[in-house]
Amino acid sequence: MGFKIKLPYFKEYKKQEEKILSFSKEFWEQYKEGKKEYLKNKEDKEYKIINKKSYDLYIDYKDYISKFFKLKSQYLKLCMNYPSQTMAAHMTKLAVVYLFDYIKNNNHLNIVRISNVIYDEIVLEVRDDLVSEYENVLGDCMIKAGDVFITLPNLKIKADAYGGLSWYKSKKATKKFYEDFKDLIEIAKPLL
């Protein structure tokens, strides 16, 4: 299974990258010296610029270089987050499919409603007498969906479902889940 990520302004980024990579070692040394001059001058208005050539080079290129490295940082962050966010989105969607199949197969249509799906969370409206059943079913559907995507033997998905009279009250119950989640992070650290 593969996914493609669309990076905005990527052609422009690649052109900027090519230009940045073409700068010589001497350019970067002069740029660094110009930055020192700039910072000294900014800090002390009485400071007399010693290396005017480096200072001017820094002034001419600082916005261009700054914009490039900000964009590069955003792209790297996006590229690092994308696979895990995509996988989590697919797991959640598959969990909703499993959940809907369960609702349908048990003749609970219009009795149990999938109200909202927010990131990795599924919100249900359930009749009081079915709450504990659907707490278990929802958790099982999420784990089953996660097992499709997570294939490492020592990494298992955890999922808990909590009922409440409102979304807010059910969220308060998830504190226990977040405490349990710390264990999963420790297991995953060697794999990162």
Protein backbone atom coordinates (compact mmCIF):
# COMPACT_ATOMS: atom_id res chain seq x y z
CA MET A 1 0.00 0.00 0.00
CA GLY A 2 1.48 3.35 -0.93
CA PHE A 3 0.53 6.93 -0.40
CA LYS A 4 1.62 10.09 -2.18
CA ILE A 5 2.02 13.37 -0.42
CA LYS A 6 1.37 16.65 -2.22
CA LEU A 7 3.76 19.37 -1.17
CA PRO A 8 2.63 22.89 -2.06
CA TYR A 9 5.14 25.00 -4.03
CA PHE A 10 7.47 22.03 -4.41
CA LYS A 11 8.87 23.11 -7.81
CA GLU A 12 9.81 26.50 -6.38
CA TYR A 13 11.33 24.78 -3.35
CA LYS A 14 13.49 22.56 -5.56
CA LYS A 15 14.73 25.62 -7.51
CA GLN A 16 15.59 27.37 -4.24
CA GLU A 17 17.30 24.24 -2.96
CA GLU A 18 19.40 24.01 -6.11
CA LYS A 19 20.51 27.62 -5.64
CA ILE A 20 21.23 27.15 -1.92
CA LEU A 21 23.31 24.02 -2.65
CA SER A 22 25.29 25.91 -5.30
CA PHE A 23 26.59 28.42 -2.74
CA SER A 24 30.26 27.88 -1.99
CA LYS A 25 31.89 27.31 1.38
CA GLU A 26 33.34 30.82 1.10
CA PHE A 27 29.84 32.23 0.57
CA TRP A 28 28.59 30.57 3.77
CA GLU A 29 31.60 31.78 5.75
CA GLN A 30 31.00 35.32 4.51
CA TYR A 31 27.25 34.97 5.21
CA LYS A 32 28.00 33.81 8.76
CA GLU A 33 30.38 36.74 9.31
CA GLY A 34 27.78 39.14 7.89
CA LYS A 35 25.18 37.78 10.29
CA LYS A 36 27.53 38.45 13.22
CA GLU A 37 28.01 42.02 11.98
CA TYR A 38 24.24 42.43 11.55
CA LEU A 39 23.48 41.19 15.08
CA LYS A 40 26.16 43.39 16.63
CA ASN A 41 24.82 46.40 14.74
CA LYS A 42 21.25 45.57 15.72
CA GLU A 43 22.22 45.26 19.38
CA ASP A 44 24.37 48.38 19.47
CA LYS A 45 23.48 51.21 17.06
CA GLU A 46 26.84 52.83 17.82
CA TYR A 47 28.67 49.73 16.52
CA LYS A 48 30.78 50.43 13.44
CA ILE A 49 30.51 47.64 10.86
CA ILE A 50 33.95 46.20 10.23
CA ASN A 51 33.26 43.83 7.34
CA LYS A 52 30.88 45.79 5.10
CA LYS A 53 31.07 43.23 2.26
CA SER A 54 29.91 40.36 4.53
CA TYR A 55 27.27 42.57 6.11
CA ASP A 56 25.85 43.54 2.71
CA LEU A 57 25.87 39.92 1.53
CA TYR A 58 23.94 38.89 4.64
CA ILE A 59 21.37 41.69 4.15
CA ASP A 60 20.91 40.72 0.48
CA TYR A 61 20.36 37.00 1.15
CA LYS A 62 18.93 36.72 4.67
CA ASP A 63 15.24 36.77 3.68
CA TYR A 64 15.78 34.34 0.81
CA ILE A 65 17.76 31.89 2.92
CA SER A 66 15.41 32.24 5.89
CA LYS A 67 12.35 31.53 3.72
CA PHE A 68 14.06 28.50 2.20
CA PHE A 69 14.96 26.93 5.55
CA LYS A 70 11.50 27.64 7.00
CA LEU A 71 9.92 25.92 4.01
CA LYS A 72 12.36 23.02 4.27
CA SER A 73 11.52 22.63 7.95
CA GLN A 74 7.79 22.61 7.18
CA TYR A 75 8.29 19.99 4.46
CA LEU A 76 10.37 17.75 6.71
CA LYS A 77 7.76 17.99 9.47
CA LEU A 78 4.98 17.25 6.99
CA CYS A 79 6.87 14.31 5.52
CA MET A 80 7.58 12.86 8.95
CA ASN A 81 4.01 13.28 10.21
CA TYR A 82 2.28 12.23 7.01
CA PRO A 83 2.83 8.44 7.21
CA SER A 84 1.66 8.12 10.82
CA GLN A 85 -1.28 10.49 10.35
CA THR A 86 -2.31 8.71 7.17
CA MET A 87 -2.10 5.31 8.83
CA ALA A 88 -4.12 6.54 11.81
CA ALA A 89 -6.76 7.96 9.47
CA HIS A 90 -7.04 4.66 7.61
CA MET A 91 -7.23 2.70 10.87
CA THR A 92 -10.04 4.93 12.09
CA LYS A 93 -11.96 4.63 8.82
CA LEU A 94 -11.65 0.84 8.88
CA ALA A 95 -12.79 0.80 12.53
CA VAL A 96 -15.90 2.76 11.50
CA VAL A 97 -16.59 0.18 8.78
CA TYR A 98 -16.28 -2.67 11.30
CA LEU A 99 -18.47 -0.78 13.74
CA PHE A 100 -21.16 -0.06 11.15
CA ASP A 101 -21.18 -3.73 10.12
CA TYR A 102 -21.70 -4.72 13.76
CA ILE A 103 -24.53 -2.19 14.17
CA LYS A 104 -26.20 -3.41 10.98
CA ASN A 105 -25.75 -7.14 11.70
CA ASN A 106 -27.26 -6.73 15.18
CA ASN A 107 -30.28 -4.74 13.98
CA HIS A 108 -29.20 -1.64 15.88
CA LEU A 109 -29.65 0.80 12.99
CA ASN A 110 -31.33 3.95 14.34
CA ILE A 111 -30.72 2.67 17.86
CA VAL A 112 -26.95 3.21 17.80
CA ARG A 113 -25.68 6.18 15.81
CA ILE A 114 -22.18 7.05 14.72
CA SER A 115 -22.37 10.75 15.52
CA ASN A 116 -18.92 11.96 14.65
CA VAL A 117 -15.44 10.81 13.74
CA ILE A 118 -12.74 13.20 14.94
CA TYR A 119 -9.16 12.27 14.08
CA ASP A 120 -8.70 8.96 15.91
CA GLU A 121 -11.91 9.13 17.91
CA ILE A 122 -15.36 7.76 17.15
CA VAL A 123 -18.35 9.30 18.91
CA LEU A 124 -21.51 7.21 19.24
CA GLU A 125 -25.01 7.87 20.49
CA VAL A 126 -26.16 4.70 22.23
CA ARG A 127 -29.27 3.71 24.15
CA ASP A 128 -28.56 3.30 27.89
CA ASP A 129 -29.07 -0.47 27.89
CA LEU A 130 -26.45 -0.90 25.13
CA VAL A 131 -23.70 1.35 26.51
CA SER A 132 -21.48 -1.35 28.03
CA GLU A 133 -21.87 -3.57 24.94
CA TYR A 134 -20.79 -0.76 22.64
CA GLU A 135 -17.91 0.29 24.86
CA ASN A 136 -16.49 -3.20 24.24
CA VAL A 137 -17.50 -3.34 20.56
CA LEU A 138 -16.00 0.06 19.76
CA GLY A 139 -12.70 -0.80 21.46
CA ASP A 140 -12.59 -4.17 19.67
CA CYS A 141 -13.31 -2.56 16.27
CA MET A 142 -10.50 -0.06 16.77
CA ILE A 143 -8.04 -2.76 17.83
CA LYS A 144 -9.06 -5.01 14.92
CA ALA A 145 -8.56 -2.13 12.47
CA GLY A 146 -5.20 -1.26 14.01
CA ASP A 147 -4.00 -4.85 13.70
CA VAL A 148 -4.51 -4.64 9.93
CA PHE A 149 -1.95 -1.82 9.69
CA ILE A 150 0.44 -2.52 12.56
CA THR A 151 2.37 -5.67 11.75
CA LEU A 152 5.20 -5.49 14.29
CA PRO A 153 4.80 -8.39 16.73
CA ASN A 154 5.78 -6.46 19.86
CA LEU A 155 3.65 -3.40 19.06
CA LYS A 156 -0.06 -3.73 19.75
CA ILE A 157 -2.74 -1.12 19.42
CA LYS A 158 -4.62 -0.21 22.57
CA ALA A 159 -8.08 1.25 22.39
CA ASP A 160 -10.62 1.98 25.07
CA ALA A 161 -14.13 3.29 24.82
CA TYR A 162 -15.93 5.18 27.54
CA GLY A 163 -19.56 6.07 27.92
CA GLY A 164 -20.99 9.23 29.38
CA LEU A 165 -24.08 11.37 29.30
CA SER A 166 -22.18 13.83 27.13
CA TRP A 167 -19.06 13.84 25.01
CA TYR A 168 -17.29 15.90 27.70
CA LYS A 169 -18.10 13.42 30.48
CA SER A 170 -16.91 10.48 28.41
CA LYS A 171 -13.66 12.36 27.68
CA LYS A 172 -12.96 12.69 31.41
CA ALA A 173 -12.93 8.89 31.62
CA THR A 174 -10.16 8.69 29.00
CA LYS A 175 -7.53 9.89 31.48
CA LYS A 176 -6.96 6.25 32.38
CA PHE A 177 -6.36 5.48 28.70
CA TYR A 178 -3.70 8.19 28.43
CA GLU A 179 -1.94 6.78 31.47
CA ASP A 180 -1.98 3.35 29.79
CA PHE A 181 -0.75 4.96 26.57
CA LYS A 182 2.58 5.82 28.23
CA ASP A 183 3.42 2.09 28.22
CA LEU A 184 2.86 1.89 24.48
CA ILE A 185 5.23 4.80 23.90
CA GLU A 186 7.96 3.05 25.89
CA ILE A 187 7.50 -0.12 23.82
CA ALA A 188 7.68 1.85 20.57
CA LYS A 189 10.79 3.92 21.41
CA PRO A 190 13.34 1.26 20.29
CA LEU A 191 11.50 0.95 16.98
CA LEU A 192 11.74 4.67 16.14
